[in-house]
Amino acid sequence: MSITNNLDRDIVLSTVANTINTFCDHHGNHYIYVEGSTPSRTRLYQMGIAGLWEEICLDFEVYGLKDNGWHEFEPNRINYDAFLVKRK
């Protein structure tokens, strides 16, 4: 919950992505639920996904939660409340 402002956003998001890959390597390709601890952190995750979408969509299925329903992730379209990620 702390805010460090030490400009490590991309490192943190990269660590999350690597952790998803490691999890899938050990436990199979299950859906993984991702949500920030605050709405602004969830938005930060969304911006990270959108910024690397061309690479992410090659290896992962990504869905965003909006209005109590799951939708295929669309970069820069709407603000999602959470994400489901599954390695292809």
Protein backbone atom coordinates (compact mmCIF):
# COMPACT_ATOMS: atom_id res chain seq x y z
CA MET A 1 0.00 0.00 0.00
CA SER A 2 2.99 2.32 0.22
CA ILE A 3 3.82 4.79 -2.52
CA THR A 4 7.55 5.09 -3.11
CA ASN A 5 7.62 7.22 -6.27
CA ASN A 6 10.99 5.67 -7.04
CA LEU A 7 10.11 5.19 -10.73
CA ASP A 8 10.20 1.37 -10.60
CA ARG A 9 6.78 0.81 -12.18
CA ASP A 10 8.13 -1.04 -15.21
CA ILE A 11 10.32 -3.26 -13.02
CA VAL A 12 7.36 -4.13 -10.80
CA LEU A 13 5.12 -4.91 -13.80
CA SER A 14 7.87 -7.01 -15.38
CA THR A 15 8.20 -8.95 -12.12
CA VAL A 16 4.44 -9.61 -12.12
CA ALA A 17 4.63 -10.90 -15.71
CA ASN A 18 7.60 -13.15 -14.91
CA THR A 19 5.79 -14.48 -11.86
CA ILE A 20 2.77 -15.40 -14.01
CA ASN A 21 5.07 -17.32 -16.38
CA THR A 22 6.78 -19.12 -13.49
CA PHE A 23 3.42 -19.99 -11.94
CA CYS A 24 2.20 -21.43 -15.25
CA ASP A 25 5.41 -23.43 -15.65
CA HIS A 26 4.81 -25.12 -12.30
CA HIS A 27 1.01 -25.29 -12.07
CA GLY A 28 -0.34 -25.25 -15.62
CA ASN A 29 -2.08 -22.57 -17.60
CA HIS A 30 -4.83 -21.48 -15.23
CA TYR A 31 -6.56 -18.15 -15.20
CA ILE A 32 -4.85 -15.72 -12.85
CA TYR A 33 -6.83 -12.88 -11.28
CA VAL A 34 -5.03 -9.53 -11.10
CA GLU A 35 -6.27 -6.45 -9.27
CA GLY A 36 -4.40 -3.55 -7.75
CA SER A 37 -4.72 -2.77 -4.06
CA THR A 38 -6.38 0.51 -5.09
CA PRO A 39 -8.23 1.63 -8.24
CA SER A 40 -5.23 3.76 -9.24
CA ARG A 41 -2.94 0.74 -9.03
CA THR A 42 -5.36 -1.31 -11.12
CA ARG A 43 -5.25 1.50 -13.67
CA LEU A 44 -1.45 1.39 -13.51
CA TYR A 45 -1.56 -2.33 -14.34
CA GLN A 46 -3.88 -1.56 -17.24
CA MET A 47 -1.50 1.07 -18.61
CA GLY A 48 1.37 -1.42 -18.34
CA ILE A 49 -0.61 -4.08 -20.21
CA ALA A 50 -1.66 -1.58 -22.89
CA GLY A 51 1.89 -0.32 -23.31
CA LEU A 52 3.20 -3.81 -24.01
CA TRP A 53 0.07 -5.19 -25.64
CA GLU A 54 1.73 -6.22 -28.93
CA GLU A 55 4.05 -8.55 -27.00
CA ILE A 56 1.56 -9.66 -24.34
CA CYS A 57 -1.18 -10.72 -26.75
CA LEU A 58 1.21 -13.16 -28.45
CA ASP A 59 1.54 -15.29 -25.31
CA PHE A 60 -1.43 -14.45 -23.09
CA GLU A 61 -5.20 -14.21 -23.13
CA VAL A 62 -6.22 -11.12 -21.15
CA TYR A 63 -9.72 -10.19 -20.02
CA GLY A 64 -10.87 -7.09 -18.18
CA LEU A 65 -13.68 -6.87 -15.63
CA LYS A 66 -16.19 -4.12 -16.29
CA ASP A 67 -19.83 -3.81 -15.22
CA ASN A 68 -19.72 -7.24 -13.54
CA GLY A 69 -18.68 -8.98 -16.76
CA TRP A 70 -15.44 -10.19 -18.33
CA HIS A 71 -14.48 -8.75 -21.72
CA GLU A 72 -11.53 -9.32 -24.02
CA PHE A 73 -8.92 -6.73 -23.15
CA GLU A 74 -8.87 -3.74 -25.47
CA PRO A 75 -6.00 -1.31 -25.00
CA ASN A 76 -6.99 2.27 -24.30
CA ARG A 77 -10.74 1.64 -24.52
CA ILE A 78 -12.23 1.59 -21.02
CA ASN A 79 -10.98 1.41 -17.46
CA TYR A 80 -11.23 -2.11 -16.10
CA ASP A 81 -11.74 -3.08 -12.45
CA ALA A 82 -9.57 -6.23 -12.58
CA PHE A 83 -7.97 -8.64 -15.05
CA LEU A 84 -7.87 -12.33 -15.85
CA VAL A 85 -4.68 -13.54 -17.51
CA LYS A 86 -3.98 -16.97 -18.95
CA ARG A 87 -0.96 -18.13 -20.89
CA LYS A 88 -1.88 -19.49 -24.34
